[in-house]
C-alpha atoms as a PDB file:
ATOM      1  CA  MET A   1     137.137 104.785 112.422  1.00  0.00           C
ATOM      2  CA  ARG A   2     134.260 107.374 111.434  1.00  0.00           C
ATOM      3  CA  THR A   3     136.054 108.730 108.810  1.00  0.00           C
ATOM      4  CA  LYS A   4     136.906 105.765 106.850  1.00  0.00           C
ATOM      5  CA  THR A   5     132.838 104.669 107.309  1.00  0.00           C
ATOM      6  CA  SER A   6     131.864 108.163 106.076  1.00  0.00           C
ATOM      7  CA  ILE A   7     134.800 107.656 103.057  1.00  0.00           C
ATOM      8  CA  ALA A   8     133.373 104.374 102.085  1.00  0.00           C
ATOM      9  CA  GLY A   9     129.457 105.510 102.445  1.00  0.00           C
ATOM     10  CA  ASN A  10     130.531 108.431  99.879  1.00  0.00           C
ATOM     11  CA  ILE A  11     131.925 105.861  97.741  1.00  0.00           C
ATOM     12  CA  PHE A  12     129.010 103.059  97.767  1.00  0.00           C
ATOM     13  CA  ALA A  13     126.516 106.599  97.267  1.00  0.00           C
ATOM     14  CA  TRP A  14     128.181 107.405  94.414  1.00  0.00           C
ATOM     15  CA  ILE A  15     128.590 103.545  92.976  1.00  0.00           C
ATOM     16  CA  PHE A  16     124.784 103.178  93.561  1.00  0.00           C
ATOM     17  CA  ALA A  17     124.011 107.081  91.815  1.00  0.00           C
ATOM     18  CA  PHE A  18     126.313 106.301  88.540  1.00  0.00           C
ATOM     19  CA  ILE A  19     124.366 102.385  88.594  1.00  0.00           C
ATOM     20  CA  SER A  20     120.899 104.141  88.667  1.00  0.00           C
ATOM     21  CA  ILE A  21     122.048 107.472  86.389  1.00  0.00           C
ATOM     22  CA  ALA A  22     123.455 105.248  83.781  1.00  0.00           C
ATOM     23  CA  PRO A  23     120.691 103.675  81.522  1.00  0.00           C
ATOM     24  CA  PHE A  24     118.871 107.104  81.807  1.00  0.00           C
ATOM     25  CA  VAL A  25     122.338 108.687  80.260  1.00  0.00           C
ATOM     26  CA  TYR A  26     122.908 105.923  77.467  1.00  0.00           C
ATOM     27  CA  VAL A  27     119.082 105.995  76.572  1.00  0.00           C
ATOM     28  CA  LEU A  28     119.509 110.314  76.065  1.00  0.00           C
ATOM     29  CA  ALA A  29     122.581 109.476  74.537  1.00  0.00           C
ATOM     30  CA  LEU A  30     121.232 107.080  71.930  1.00  0.00           C
ATOM     31  CA  SER A  31     118.232 109.347  71.456  1.00  0.00           C
ATOM     32  CA  PHE A  32     120.194 111.560  69.126  1.00  0.00           C
ATOM     33  CA  LEU A  33     122.178 109.061  66.846  1.00  0.00           C
ATOM     34  CA  THR A  34     121.164 107.500  64.010  1.00  0.00           C
ATOM     35  CA  PRO A  35     123.219 105.162  61.314  1.00  0.00           C
ATOM     36  CA  ASN A  36     123.499 108.938  59.398  1.00  0.00           C
ATOM     37  CA  GLY A  37     125.102 110.420  62.597  1.00  0.00           C
ATOM     38  CA  VAL A  38     123.644 113.164  65.111  1.00  0.00           C
ATOM     39  CA  THR A  39     120.056 114.549  64.972  1.00  0.00           C
ATOM     40  CA  PHE A  40     117.674 115.855  66.186  1.00  0.00           C
ATOM     41  CA  GLY A  41     114.476 115.053  63.906  1.00  0.00           C
ATOM     42  CA  TYR A  42     113.030 112.481  66.235  1.00  0.00           C
ATOM     43  CA  TYR A  43     112.731 114.917  68.770  1.00  0.00           C
ATOM     44  CA  TYR A  44     111.048 117.572  66.770  1.00  0.00           C
ATOM     45  CA  ASP A  45     108.447 114.741  65.274  1.00  0.00           C
ATOM     46  CA  VAL A  46     107.688 113.738  68.599  1.00  0.00           C
ATOM     47  CA  PHE A  47     107.240 117.218  70.568  1.00  0.00           C
ATOM     48  CA  LEU A  48     106.292 119.225  67.703  1.00  0.00           C
ATOM     49  CA  GLY A  49     105.959 117.704  64.170  1.00  0.00           C
ATOM     50  CA  THR A  50     103.129 114.988  64.669  1.00  0.00           C
ATOM     51  CA  SER A  51     100.139 115.131  66.874  1.00  0.00           C
ATOM     52  CA  GLN A  52     100.227 110.938  67.665  1.00  0.00           C
ATOM     53  CA  TYR A  53     102.393 111.316  70.525  1.00  0.00           C
ATOM     54  CA  LEU A  54     102.019 114.404  71.775  1.00  0.00           C
ATOM     55  CA  LEU A  55      98.512 114.229  71.916  1.00  0.00           C
ATOM     56  CA  ARG A  56      98.569 110.841  73.686  1.00  0.00           C
ATOM     57  CA  PHE A  57     101.507 112.527  76.395  1.00  0.00           C
ATOM     58  CA  TRP A  58      98.882 115.357  77.164  1.00  0.00           C
ATOM     59  CA  LYS A  59      95.882 112.625  77.455  1.00  0.00           C
ATOM     60  CA  SER A  60      97.598 110.744  80.014  1.00  0.00           C
ATOM     61  CA  LEU A  61      98.973 113.662  81.774  1.00  0.00           C
ATOM     62  CA  LEU A  62      94.960 114.954  81.955  1.00  0.00           C
ATOM     63  CA  ILE A  63      94.395 111.273  83.705  1.00  0.00           C
ATOM     64  CA  CYS A  64      96.701 111.966  86.036  1.00  0.00           C
ATOM     65  CA  LEU A  65      96.129 115.013  87.301  1.00  0.00           C
ATOM     66  CA  ALA A  66      92.363 113.812  87.814  1.00  0.00           C
ATOM     67  CA  ILE A  67      93.513 110.646  89.475  1.00  0.00           C
ATOM     68  CA  VAL A  68      95.561 113.021  91.990  1.00  0.00           C
ATOM     69  CA  ALA A  69      93.109 115.345  92.368  1.00  0.00           C
ATOM     70  CA  GLY A  70      90.604 112.618  92.896  1.00  0.00           C
ATOM     71  CA  GLN A  71      93.069 110.600  95.499  1.00  0.00           C
ATOM     72  CA  LEU A  72      93.905 113.897  97.445  1.00  0.00           C
ATOM     73  CA  ILE A  73      90.541 114.680  98.196  1.00  0.00           C
ATOM     74  CA  VAL A  74      90.066 111.066  99.806  1.00  0.00           C
ATOM     75  CA  SER A  75      93.320 110.586 101.103  1.00  0.00           C
ATOM     76  CA  VAL A  76      92.661 114.117 103.328  1.00  0.00           C
ATOM     77  CA  LEU A  77      89.191 113.796 104.641  1.00  0.00           C
ATOM     78  CA  ALA A  78      89.881 109.908 105.617  1.00  0.00           C
ATOM     79  CA  GLY A  79      93.168 111.097 106.676  1.00  0.00           C
ATOM     80  CA  TYR A  80      91.642 113.370 108.963  1.00  0.00           C
ATOM     81  CA  GLY A  81      88.828 111.318 110.004  1.00  0.00           C
ATOM     82  CA  PHE A  82      91.182 108.383 111.409  1.00  0.00           C
ATOM     83  CA  ALA A  83      93.658 110.283 112.464  1.00  0.00           C
ATOM     84  CA  LYS A  84      91.383 112.904 115.007  1.00  0.00           C
ATOM     85  CA  CYS A  85      88.191 111.834 114.692  1.00  0.00           C
ATOM     86  CA  ASP A  86      86.229 108.841 117.461  1.00  0.00           C
ATOM     87  CA  PHE A  87      84.490 106.463 115.604  1.00  0.00           C
ATOM     88  CA  PRO A  88      82.990 102.981 116.639  1.00  0.00           C
ATOM     89  CA  GLY A  89      85.719 100.172 114.065  1.00  0.00           C
ATOM     90  CA  LYS A  90      88.316 102.586 113.362  1.00  0.00           C
ATOM     91  CA  ASN A  91      91.295 101.055 114.577  1.00  0.00           C
ATOM     92  CA  VAL A  92      89.998  97.513 113.064  1.00  0.00           C
ATOM     93  CA  LEU A  93      88.803  99.676 109.669  1.00  0.00           C
ATOM     94  CA  LEU A  94      92.489 100.832 109.754  1.00  0.00           C
ATOM     95  CA  PHE A  95      93.759  97.829 110.008  1.00  0.00           C
ATOM     96  CA  VAL A  96      91.614  96.456 107.081  1.00  0.00           C
ATOM     97  CA  LEU A  97      93.037  99.412 105.471  1.00  0.00           C
ATOM     98  CA  MET A  98      96.873  98.361 106.217  1.00  0.00           C
ATOM     99  CA  ILE A  99      96.145  94.811 104.615  1.00  0.00           C
ATOM    100  CA  LEU A 100      94.686  96.468 101.255  1.00  0.00           C
ATOM    101  CA  MET A 101      97.824  98.352 100.743  1.00  0.00           C
ATOM    102  CA  VAL A 102      99.876  94.964 101.149  1.00  0.00           C
ATOM    103  CA  LEU A 103      97.322  93.577  97.907  1.00  0.00           C
ATOM    104  CA  PRO A 104      99.049  93.085  94.639  1.00  0.00           C
ATOM    105  CA  LEU A 105      97.224  95.030  92.000  1.00  0.00           C
ATOM    106  CA  GLN A 106      96.446  91.793  90.092  1.00  0.00           C
ATOM    107  CA  VAL A 107      94.109  90.730  92.843  1.00  0.00           C
ATOM    108  CA  THR A 108      91.636  94.018  92.539  1.00  0.00           C
ATOM    109  CA  LEU A 109      91.740  93.531  88.138  1.00  0.00           C
ATOM    110  CA  ALA A 110      88.867  91.166  87.974  1.00  0.00           C
ATOM    111  CA  PRO A 111      86.504  92.536  90.927  1.00  0.00           C
ATOM    112  CA  ASN A 112      87.308  96.339  89.451  1.00  0.00           C
ATOM    113  CA  TYR A 113      86.555  94.969  86.163  1.00  0.00           C
ATOM    114  CA  ILE A 114      82.774  93.371  86.923  1.00  0.00           C
ATOM    115  CA  MET A 115      82.096  96.523  89.190  1.00  0.00           C
ATOM    116  CA  LEU A 116      83.232  98.591  85.737  1.00  0.00           C
ATOM    117  CA  ASP A 117      81.507  96.292  83.813  1.00  0.00           C
ATOM    118  CA  LYS A 118      78.124  96.845  86.190  1.00  0.00           C
ATOM    119  CA  LEU A 119      78.117 100.671  86.238  1.00  0.00           C
ATOM    120  CA  GLY A 120      78.960 100.698  82.321  1.00  0.00           C
ATOM    121  CA  LEU A 121      82.260 102.222  82.785  1.00  0.00           C
ATOM    122  CA  LEU A 122      84.433 100.220  80.748  1.00  0.00           C
ATOM    123  CA  ASP A 123      86.030 101.817  77.752  1.00  0.00           C
ATOM    124  CA  THR A 124      85.887 105.003  79.099  1.00  0.00           C
ATOM    125  CA  TYR A 125      88.552 106.880  81.122  1.00  0.00           C
ATOM    126  CA  SER A 126      86.477 106.690  84.062  1.00  0.00           C
ATOM    127  CA  ALA A 127      87.879 103.375  84.013  1.00  0.00           C
ATOM    128  CA  LEU A 128      91.244 104.321  85.084  1.00  0.00           C
ATOM    129  CA  ILE A 129      90.805 107.018  86.514  1.00  0.00           C
ATOM    130  CA  LEU A 130      88.151 105.620  90.009  1.00  0.00           C
ATOM    131  CA  PRO A 131      89.653 102.719  90.953  1.00  0.00           C
ATOM    132  CA  SER A 132      92.668 104.618  91.298  1.00  0.00           C
ATOM    133  CA  ILE A 133      91.128 107.388  93.383  1.00  0.00           C
ATOM    134  CA  PHE A 134      90.951 105.098  96.357  1.00  0.00           C
ATOM    135  CA  ILE A 135      94.435 103.671  96.786  1.00  0.00           C
ATOM    136  CA  PRO A 136      94.898 103.214 100.303  1.00  0.00           C
ATOM    137  CA  LEU A 137      98.413 104.296 100.225  1.00  0.00           C
ATOM    138  CA  GLY A 138      97.489 108.209 100.719  1.00  0.00           C
ATOM    139  CA  THR A 139      95.273 107.800 103.406  1.00  0.00           C
ATOM    140  CA  PHE A 140      97.466 105.721 104.942  1.00  0.00           C
ATOM    141  CA  ILE A 141     100.260 108.292 104.972  1.00  0.00           C
ATOM    142  CA  LEU A 142      97.959 111.480 105.033  1.00  0.00           C
ATOM    143  CA  THR A 143      96.357 109.746 108.290  1.00  0.00           C
ATOM    144  CA  GLN A 144     100.176 109.214 109.619  1.00  0.00           C
ATOM    145  CA  SER A 145     100.978 112.908 109.052  1.00  0.00           C
ATOM    146  CA  PHE A 146      97.853 114.406 110.363  1.00  0.00           C
ATOM    147  CA  LYS A 147      98.612 112.367 114.010  1.00  0.00           C
ATOM    148  CA  SER A 148     101.334 114.693 114.287  1.00  0.00           C
ATOM    149  CA  VAL A 149      99.110 117.985 114.628  1.00  0.00           C
ATOM    150  CA  SER A 150      98.329 118.719 118.247  1.00  0.00           C
ATOM    151  CA  ASP A 151      94.800 118.297 119.580  1.00  0.00           C
ATOM    152  CA  ASP A 152      94.997 121.237 121.435  1.00  0.00           C
ATOM    153  CA  ILE A 153      95.959 123.390 118.158  1.00  0.00           C
ATOM    154  CA  ILE A 154      92.641 122.084 116.794  1.00  0.00           C
ATOM    155  CA  ASP A 155      90.552 122.533 119.819  1.00  0.00           C
ATOM    156  CA  ALA A 156      91.331 125.480 119.626  1.00  0.00           C
ATOM    157  CA  ALA A 157      90.438 126.868 116.698  1.00  0.00           C
ATOM    158  CA  LYS A 158      87.021 124.940 116.634  1.00  0.00           C
ATOM    159  CA  LEU A 159      87.132 127.039 119.674  1.00  0.00           C
ATOM    160  CA  ASP A 160      87.468 130.335 117.614  1.00  0.00           C
ATOM    161  CA  GLY A 161      84.923 128.740 115.278  1.00  0.00           C
ATOM    162  CA  CYS A 162      86.907 127.289 112.933  1.00  0.00           C
ATOM    163  CA  GLY A 163      84.761 124.693 110.222  1.00  0.00           C
ATOM    164  CA  LEU A 164      86.331 121.541 108.824  1.00  0.00           C
ATOM    165  CA  PHE A 165      86.857 123.185 105.331  1.00  0.00           C
ATOM    166  CA  ARG A 166      89.128 126.281 107.048  1.00  0.00           C
ATOM    167  CA  LEU A 167      90.387 123.328 110.178  1.00  0.00           C
ATOM    168  CA  LEU A 168      91.323 121.762 106.390  1.00  0.00           C
ATOM    169  CA  THR A 169      93.038 124.256 104.494  1.00  0.00           C
ATOM    170  CA  LYS A 170      94.206 126.784 106.941  1.00  0.00           C
ATOM    171  CA  ILE A 171      95.499 124.886 109.828  1.00  0.00           C
ATOM    172  CA  LEU A 172      96.173 120.759 108.651  1.00  0.00           C
ATOM    173  CA  LEU A 173      97.026 120.477 105.341  1.00  0.00           C
ATOM    174  CA  PRO A 174      99.625 124.179 105.647  1.00  0.00           C
ATOM    175  CA  MET A 175     101.556 122.079 108.662  1.00  0.00           C
ATOM    176  CA  ASN A 176     101.467 118.716 106.480  1.00  0.00           C
ATOM    177  CA  THR A 177     103.159 120.197 103.535  1.00  0.00           C
ATOM    178  CA  SER A 178     104.884 116.955 103.014  1.00  0.00           C
ATOM    179  CA  GLY A 179     103.066 114.234 103.170  1.00  0.00           C
ATOM    180  CA  LEU A 180     100.643 116.000 101.027  1.00  0.00           C
ATOM    181  CA  VAL A 181     103.684 116.444  98.348  1.00  0.00           C
ATOM    182  CA  CYS A 182     104.103 112.596  99.099  1.00  0.00           C
ATOM    183  CA  VAL A 183     100.652 111.552  98.356  1.00  0.00           C
ATOM    184  CA  THR A 184     100.506 114.257  95.233  1.00  0.00           C
ATOM    185  CA  LEU A 185     103.830 112.296  93.479  1.00  0.00           C
ATOM    186  CA  LEU A 186     103.464 108.554  94.539  1.00  0.00           C
ATOM    187  CA  SER A 187      99.842 108.783  92.616  1.00  0.00           C
ATOM    188  CA  PHE A 188     100.806 110.574  90.217  1.00  0.00           C
ATOM    189  CA  LEU A 189     103.032 108.080  89.645  1.00  0.00           C
ATOM    190  CA  ASP A 190     101.161 105.425  89.984  1.00  0.00           C
ATOM    191  CA  GLY A 191      98.646 106.354  87.361  1.00  0.00           C
ATOM    192  CA  TRP A 192     101.554 107.360  85.030  1.00  0.00           C
ATOM    193  CA  ASN A 193     102.636 104.101  85.086  1.00  0.00           C
ATOM    194  CA  MET A 194      99.923 102.227  84.966  1.00  0.00           C
ATOM    195  CA  VAL A 195      99.817  98.907  82.455  1.00  0.00           C
ATOM    196  CA  GLU A 196      97.831  96.442  83.642  1.00  0.00           C
ATOM    197  CA  GLN A 197      94.468  98.369  83.950  1.00  0.00           C
ATOM    198  CA  PRO A 198      94.411 100.278  80.777  1.00  0.00           C
ATOM    199  CA  ILE A 199      95.027  96.398  78.949  1.00  0.00           C
ATOM    200  CA  ALA A 200      92.356  95.455  81.101  1.00  0.00           C
ATOM    201  CA  TYR A 201      89.789  98.143  80.677  1.00  0.00           C
ATOM    202  CA  ILE A 202      90.250  99.667  77.879  1.00  0.00           C
ATOM    203  CA  LYS A 203      89.081  98.100  74.135  1.00  0.00           C
ATOM    204  CA  ASP A 204      89.868 100.387  72.050  1.00  0.00           C
ATOM    205  CA  PHE A 205      93.486 101.438  71.282  1.00  0.00           C
ATOM    206  CA  LEU A 206      93.214 105.331  70.675  1.00  0.00           C
ATOM    207  CA  ARG A 207      92.139 105.683  74.451  1.00  0.00           C
ATOM    208  CA  TYR A 208      95.551 103.892  75.513  1.00  0.00           C
ATOM    209  CA  PRO A 209      97.627 106.378  77.976  1.00  0.00           C
ATOM    210  CA  ILE A 210     101.013 106.590  76.725  1.00  0.00           C
ATOM    211  CA  SER A 211     102.447 104.032  79.057  1.00  0.00           C
ATOM    212  CA  VAL A 212     100.857 101.219  77.187  1.00  0.00           C
ATOM    213  CA  ALA A 213     100.948 103.143  73.679  1.00  0.00           C
ATOM    214  CA  LEU A 214     104.735 103.473  73.774  1.00  0.00           C
ATOM    215  CA  ALA A 215     105.146  99.374  73.519  1.00  0.00           C
ATOM    216  CA  TYR A 216     103.425  99.671  69.485  1.00  0.00           C
ATOM    217  CA  VAL A 217     106.105 102.305  68.468  1.00  0.00           C
ATOM    218  CA  PRO A 218     107.391 100.952  65.709  1.00  0.00           C
ATOM    219  CA  PRO A 219     110.254  98.684  66.555  1.00  0.00           C
ATOM    220  CA  ALA A 220     111.794  99.013  63.345  1.00  0.00           C
ATOM    221  CA  ASP A 221     112.755 102.482  64.259  1.00  0.00           C
ATOM    222  CA  PRO A 222     114.539 102.245  67.834  1.00  0.00           C
ATOM    223  CA  THR A 223     115.693 105.871  67.781  1.00  0.00           C
ATOM    224  CA  LEU A 224     111.951 107.129  67.657  1.00  0.00           C
ATOM    225  CA  GLN A 225     111.256 104.316  70.887  1.00  0.00           C
ATOM    226  CA  LEU A 226     114.102 106.074  72.558  1.00  0.00           C
ATOM    227  CA  VAL A 227     112.848 109.433  72.250  1.00  0.00           C
ATOM    228  CA  CYS A 228     109.342 108.598  73.283  1.00  0.00           C
ATOM    229  CA  CYS A 229     111.222 106.938  76.686  1.00  0.00           C
ATOM    230  CA  ILE A 230     112.282 110.510  77.257  1.00  0.00           C
ATOM    231  CA  MET A 231     109.319 112.032  76.665  1.00  0.00           C
ATOM    232  CA  VAL A 232     107.812 109.494  79.059  1.00  0.00           C
ATOM    233  CA  VAL A 233     110.424 109.911  81.565  1.00  0.00           C
ATOM    234  CA  LEU A 234     110.301 113.839  82.210  1.00  0.00           C
ATOM    235  CA  PRO A 235     106.710 114.423  84.166  1.00  0.00           C
ATOM    236  CA  PRO A 236     108.342 111.838  86.937  1.00  0.00           C
ATOM    237  CA  LEU A 237     111.554 113.398  86.544  1.00  0.00           C
ATOM    238  CA  PHE A 238     110.882 116.958  86.645  1.00  0.00           C
ATOM    239  CA  LEU A 239     108.242 116.384  90.153  1.00  0.00           C
ATOM    240  CA  PHE A 240     110.905 113.799  91.994  1.00  0.00           C
ATOM    241  CA  THR A 241     113.806 116.322  91.179  1.00  0.00           C
ATOM    242  CA  TYR A 242     111.629 119.268  92.863  1.00  0.00           C
ATOM    243  CA  PHE A 243     109.844 118.059  95.731  1.00  0.00           C
ATOM    244  CA  ASN A 244     112.996 115.298  96.434  1.00  0.00           C
ATOM    245  CA  ARG A 245     113.123 116.850 100.219  1.00  0.00           C
ATOM    246  CA  GLU A 246     108.637 116.778 100.955  1.00  0.00           C
ATOM    247  CA  LEU A 247     108.972 113.222  99.411  1.00  0.00           C
ATOM    248  CA  VAL A 248     111.443 111.595 101.813  1.00  0.00           C
ATOM    249  CA  GLU A 249     110.009 113.621 104.722  1.00  0.00           C
ATOM    250  CA  GLY A 250     106.443 112.122 103.855  1.00  0.00           C
ATOM    251  CA  ILE A 251     107.365 108.768 103.526  1.00  0.00           C
ATOM    252  CA  VAL A 252     109.828 109.283 106.986  1.00  0.00           C
ATOM    253  CA  LEU A 253     106.791 110.848 108.779  1.00  0.00           C
ATOM    254  CA  ALA A 254     104.702 107.837 107.964  1.00  0.00           C
ATOM    255  CA  GLU A 255     107.376 105.223 109.173  1.00  0.00           C
ATOM    256  CA  VAL A 256     107.744 107.184 112.469  1.00  0.00           C
ATOM    257  CA  LYS A 257     104.410 107.248 113.487  1.00  0.00           C
END
């Protein structure tokens, strides 16, 4: 009975994997094809020949790296506070944080727009970076991750004269690499795939990240569109392939706690 269940599970897994991978393989195959046959010319134009697409790619990557760095700093410090510090209203604030996690992005666009307008940050890259730094998911994941560290270890480190910075960098973060990698990947993916925010906060087309600018690739040239799609897929594909185990462990740890 167990063998039959295992075989059925394997078959289902292969079917699901095929359905998930098939669109990417289809796009990859068509990106080399033109009415005149197989060509690598479009890959040369997108990745090397012209700066139009490659420059926008690197700008988008830098925006995402800034979002990841800022969100990690906020999430680590806030996660440590919620997990290991006692202060009035902690449970209420954590509950509010969980409510904010389930709010759709569209609900926050108008308030963020008004705030960014008051700060004079509209039509700048800061309008894309700053709101994305304070997304509560990273804080929630690291809060749950830090709770797995015994208080005895932290108390012993403090007795040895370990300050907050050394406590985080030498003990908590090395012991919770899965949670840290999970936050890094999810924040990068969120920034890399942003669409509504650039349309709402950015007016200058030249400042659009590649996730939005991809829609403006000439539709008369479908092969060029497909090559641009491959370019956009590469960073998250590499990250999720290389850090797949840490991502799963980080999500499972957050669920268990």
